[in-house]
Amino acid sequence: NLIGTPATGHKICDKIEGAPQKNVYKAANLDEAVKKAYEVTEKGKICLLSPAASSYNCYKNFEEKGKHYKMLVREYGKED
């Protein structure tokens, strides 16, 4: 599965959408991406955050983005 966020992530999704054996999803932001990851990742499997580009338009640095990601994972994990 690939879940892309704006703007670079959406461009990557557009390039590989329709490729065989690829599930491609576009998310508006990190919150939506984590939610989608929980929906499409089987329980017990791994979902990896792998930024393909900087996100300075949303976060001041990678540490802030990482903290937000961890918080979202914990919150969605409680719903399981």
N, C-alpha and C. Protein backbone atom coordinates (compact mmCIF):
# COMPACT_ATOMS: atom_id res chain seq x y z
N ASN A 1 0.83 -1.19 0.00
CA ASN A 1 0.00 0.00 0.00
C ASN A 1 0.87 1.25 0.00
N LEU A 2 0.42 2.25 -0.70
CA LEU A 2 1.08 3.55 -0.71
C LEU A 2 0.03 4.60 -0.42
N ILE A 3 0.30 5.44 0.56
CA ILE A 3 -0.60 6.54 0.89
C ILE A 3 0.20 7.82 0.76
N GLY A 4 -0.19 8.68 -0.15
CA GLY A 4 0.56 9.90 -0.41
C GLY A 4 -0.14 11.13 0.12
N THR A 5 0.65 12.06 0.64
CA THR A 5 0.12 13.35 1.10
C THR A 5 0.66 14.45 0.19
N PRO A 6 -0.05 15.59 0.15
CA PRO A 6 0.36 16.68 -0.75
C PRO A 6 1.77 17.17 -0.46
N ALA A 7 2.35 17.74 -1.41
CA ALA A 7 1.99 17.67 -2.81
C ALA A 7 2.81 16.60 -3.52
N THR A 8 4.02 16.36 -3.04
CA THR A 8 4.89 15.37 -3.67
C THR A 8 4.31 13.97 -3.60
N GLY A 9 3.70 13.61 -2.48
CA GLY A 9 3.11 12.28 -2.34
C GLY A 9 2.01 12.02 -3.36
N HIS A 10 1.23 13.05 -3.67
CA HIS A 10 0.18 12.90 -4.68
C HIS A 10 0.80 12.71 -6.07
N LYS A 11 1.89 13.40 -6.34
CA LYS A 11 2.58 13.24 -7.63
C LYS A 11 3.11 11.82 -7.77
N ILE A 12 3.67 11.28 -6.71
CA ILE A 12 4.17 9.90 -6.73
C ILE A 12 3.01 8.94 -6.96
N CYS A 13 1.90 9.16 -6.25
CA CYS A 13 0.72 8.31 -6.43
C CYS A 13 0.25 8.33 -7.88
N ASP A 14 0.22 9.53 -8.48
CA ASP A 14 -0.22 9.65 -9.88
C ASP A 14 0.67 8.84 -10.82
N LYS A 15 1.96 8.78 -10.52
CA LYS A 15 2.90 8.06 -11.39
C LYS A 15 2.73 6.54 -11.33
N ILE A 16 2.34 6.01 -10.17
CA ILE A 16 2.26 4.54 -10.06
C ILE A 16 0.83 4.02 -9.95
N GLU A 17 -0.15 4.92 -9.94
CA GLU A 17 -1.54 4.48 -9.87
C GLU A 17 -1.84 3.55 -11.04
N GLY A 18 -2.51 2.47 -10.77
CA GLY A 18 -2.86 1.53 -11.81
C GLY A 18 -1.80 0.48 -12.08
N ALA A 19 -0.65 0.59 -11.45
CA ALA A 19 0.39 -0.43 -11.61
C ALA A 19 -0.12 -1.73 -10.99
N PRO A 20 0.23 -2.87 -11.57
CA PRO A 20 -0.25 -4.14 -11.02
C PRO A 20 0.21 -4.34 -9.58
N GLN A 21 -0.67 -4.87 -8.78
CA GLN A 21 -0.40 -5.21 -7.38
C GLN A 21 -0.07 -4.00 -6.51
N LYS A 22 -0.54 -2.82 -6.90
CA LYS A 22 -0.29 -1.63 -6.10
C LYS A 22 -1.62 -1.04 -5.64
N ASN A 23 -1.73 -0.79 -4.36
CA ASN A 23 -2.89 -0.11 -3.80
C ASN A 23 -2.43 1.30 -3.46
N VAL A 24 -2.98 2.28 -4.15
CA VAL A 24 -2.54 3.66 -4.02
C VAL A 24 -3.68 4.51 -3.51
N TYR A 25 -3.40 5.30 -2.48
CA TYR A 25 -4.41 6.17 -1.87
C TYR A 25 -3.82 7.56 -1.70
N LYS A 26 -4.64 8.57 -1.89
CA LYS A 26 -4.23 9.95 -1.64
C LYS A 26 -4.90 10.43 -0.37
N ALA A 27 -4.14 11.09 0.48
CA ALA A 27 -4.67 11.64 1.73
C ALA A 27 -4.42 13.14 1.73
N ALA A 28 -5.32 13.88 2.37
CA ALA A 28 -5.20 15.34 2.42
C ALA A 28 -4.11 15.80 3.38
N ASN A 29 -3.82 14.95 4.37
CA ASN A 29 -2.84 15.34 5.40
C ASN A 29 -2.40 14.09 6.15
N LEU A 30 -1.51 14.28 7.12
CA LEU A 30 -0.97 13.14 7.86
C LEU A 30 -2.05 12.42 8.67
N ASP A 31 -2.97 13.17 9.25
CA ASP A 31 -4.06 12.56 10.02
C ASP A 31 -4.86 11.60 9.13
N GLU A 32 -5.24 12.07 7.96
CA GLU A 32 -6.01 11.24 7.03
C GLU A 32 -5.18 10.04 6.55
N ALA A 33 -3.88 10.23 6.37
CA ALA A 33 -3.00 9.14 5.93
C ALA A 33 -2.91 8.04 6.98
N VAL A 34 -2.77 8.44 8.25
CA VAL A 34 -2.69 7.44 9.32
C VAL A 34 -4.03 6.70 9.45
N LYS A 35 -5.11 7.43 9.34
CA LYS A 35 -6.44 6.80 9.40
C LYS A 35 -6.58 5.76 8.28
N LYS A 36 -6.19 6.12 7.07
CA LYS A 36 -6.28 5.20 5.94
C LYS A 36 -5.35 4.00 6.16
N ALA A 37 -4.17 4.25 6.72
CA ALA A 37 -3.23 3.16 6.99
C ALA A 37 -3.85 2.15 7.94
N TYR A 38 -4.55 2.62 8.95
CA TYR A 38 -5.22 1.70 9.88
C TYR A 38 -6.33 0.92 9.17
N GLU A 39 -6.98 1.55 8.21
CA GLU A 39 -8.06 0.87 7.48
C GLU A 39 -7.53 -0.22 6.56
N VAL A 40 -6.37 -0.01 5.94
CA VAL A 40 -5.91 -0.93 4.90
C VAL A 40 -4.77 -1.86 5.33
N THR A 41 -4.21 -1.66 6.51
CA THR A 41 -3.13 -2.52 6.99
C THR A 41 -3.70 -3.60 7.90
N GLU A 42 -3.42 -4.85 7.56
CA GLU A 42 -3.92 -5.96 8.37
C GLU A 42 -3.35 -5.91 9.77
N LYS A 43 -4.16 -6.32 10.73
CA LYS A 43 -3.71 -6.36 12.13
C LYS A 43 -2.47 -7.26 12.22
N GLY A 44 -1.46 -6.79 12.94
CA GLY A 44 -0.22 -7.53 13.09
C GLY A 44 0.81 -7.23 12.02
N LYS A 45 0.42 -6.48 10.99
CA LYS A 45 1.36 -6.11 9.92
C LYS A 45 1.98 -4.76 10.24
N ILE A 46 2.99 -4.39 9.50
CA ILE A 46 3.73 -3.15 9.74
C ILE A 46 3.33 -2.08 8.74
N CYS A 47 3.20 -0.87 9.24
CA CYS A 47 3.00 0.30 8.39
C CYS A 47 4.15 1.26 8.69
N LEU A 48 4.88 1.65 7.69
CA LEU A 48 6.07 2.47 7.85
C LEU A 48 5.83 3.88 7.31
N LEU A 49 6.16 4.89 8.11
CA LEU A 49 6.15 6.26 7.62
C LEU A 49 7.48 6.49 6.92
N SER A 50 7.42 6.74 5.64
CA SER A 50 8.63 6.96 4.86
C SER A 50 8.46 8.21 4.01
N PRO A 51 8.80 9.36 4.56
CA PRO A 51 8.62 10.61 3.81
C PRO A 51 9.46 10.61 2.53
N ALA A 52 8.82 10.94 1.43
CA ALA A 52 9.52 10.99 0.14
C ALA A 52 10.02 12.40 -0.16
N ALA A 53 9.59 13.36 0.65
CA ALA A 53 9.99 14.75 0.43
C ALA A 53 9.81 15.51 1.74
N SER A 54 10.34 16.71 1.76
CA SER A 54 10.19 17.53 2.97
C SER A 54 8.73 17.95 3.15
N SER A 55 8.39 18.34 4.35
CA SER A 55 7.02 18.79 4.63
C SER A 55 7.05 20.10 5.41
N TYR A 56 7.96 20.97 5.01
CA TYR A 56 8.11 22.25 5.70
C TYR A 56 6.89 23.14 5.53
N ASN A 57 6.03 22.83 4.57
CA ASN A 57 4.79 23.58 4.43
C ASN A 57 3.78 23.22 5.51
N CYS A 58 4.01 22.13 6.23
CA CYS A 58 3.09 21.68 7.29
C CYS A 58 3.74 21.62 8.66
N TYR A 59 5.03 21.36 8.72
CA TYR A 59 5.75 21.17 9.99
C TYR A 59 7.05 21.97 9.95
N LYS A 60 7.50 22.42 11.13
CA LYS A 60 8.74 23.21 11.16
C LYS A 60 9.98 22.35 10.93
N ASN A 61 9.88 21.04 11.25
CA ASN A 61 11.01 20.13 11.03
C ASN A 61 10.53 18.68 11.13
N PHE A 62 11.44 17.76 10.87
CA PHE A 62 11.05 16.34 10.87
C PHE A 62 10.70 15.84 12.26
N GLU A 63 11.29 16.46 13.29
CA GLU A 63 10.96 16.05 14.66
C GLU A 63 9.49 16.34 14.98
N GLU A 64 9.03 17.52 14.58
CA GLU A 64 7.63 17.88 14.82
C GLU A 64 6.69 16.93 14.07
N LYS A 65 7.04 16.61 12.83
CA LYS A 65 6.23 15.68 12.04
C LYS A 65 6.22 14.30 12.70
N GLY A 66 7.37 13.85 13.16
CA GLY A 66 7.46 12.54 13.82
C GLY A 66 6.63 12.48 15.09
N LYS A 67 6.66 13.54 15.88
CA LYS A 67 5.86 13.58 17.11
C LYS A 67 4.37 13.53 16.78
N HIS A 68 3.97 14.28 15.74
CA HIS A 68 2.56 14.26 15.33
C HIS A 68 2.16 12.86 14.85
N TYR A 69 3.03 12.22 14.06
CA TYR A 69 2.77 10.86 13.58
C TYR A 69 2.59 9.89 14.75
N LYS A 70 3.49 9.94 15.72
CA LYS A 70 3.39 9.05 16.88
C LYS A 70 2.10 9.28 17.65
N MET A 71 1.71 10.54 17.81
CA MET A 71 0.48 10.86 18.52
C MET A 71 -0.73 10.28 17.78
N LEU A 72 -0.75 10.43 16.46
CA LEU A 72 -1.86 9.90 15.66
C LEU A 72 -1.93 8.38 15.75
N VAL A 73 -0.78 7.72 15.67
CA VAL A 73 -0.74 6.26 15.75
C VAL A 73 -1.27 5.80 17.10
N ARG A 74 -0.87 6.47 18.16
CA ARG A 74 -1.37 6.10 19.50
C ARG A 74 -2.88 6.29 19.58
N GLU A 75 -3.38 7.40 19.06
CA GLU A 75 -4.82 7.68 19.11
C GLU A 75 -5.61 6.66 18.31
N TYR A 76 -5.21 6.40 17.06
CA TYR A 76 -5.93 5.42 16.25
C TYR A 76 -5.76 4.02 16.80
N GLY A 77 -4.63 3.74 17.42
CA GLY A 77 -4.38 2.43 18.03
C GLY A 77 -5.32 2.13 19.18
N LYS A 78 -5.75 3.16 19.88
CA LYS A 78 -6.70 2.98 20.98
C LYS A 78 -8.05 2.49 20.49
N GLU A 79 -8.38 2.83 19.24
CA GLU A 79 -9.68 2.46 18.67
C GLU A 79 -9.73 1.00 18.27
N ASP A 80 -8.57 0.38 18.12
CA ASP A 80 -8.51 -1.03 17.69
C ASP A 80 -9.09 -1.97 18.72
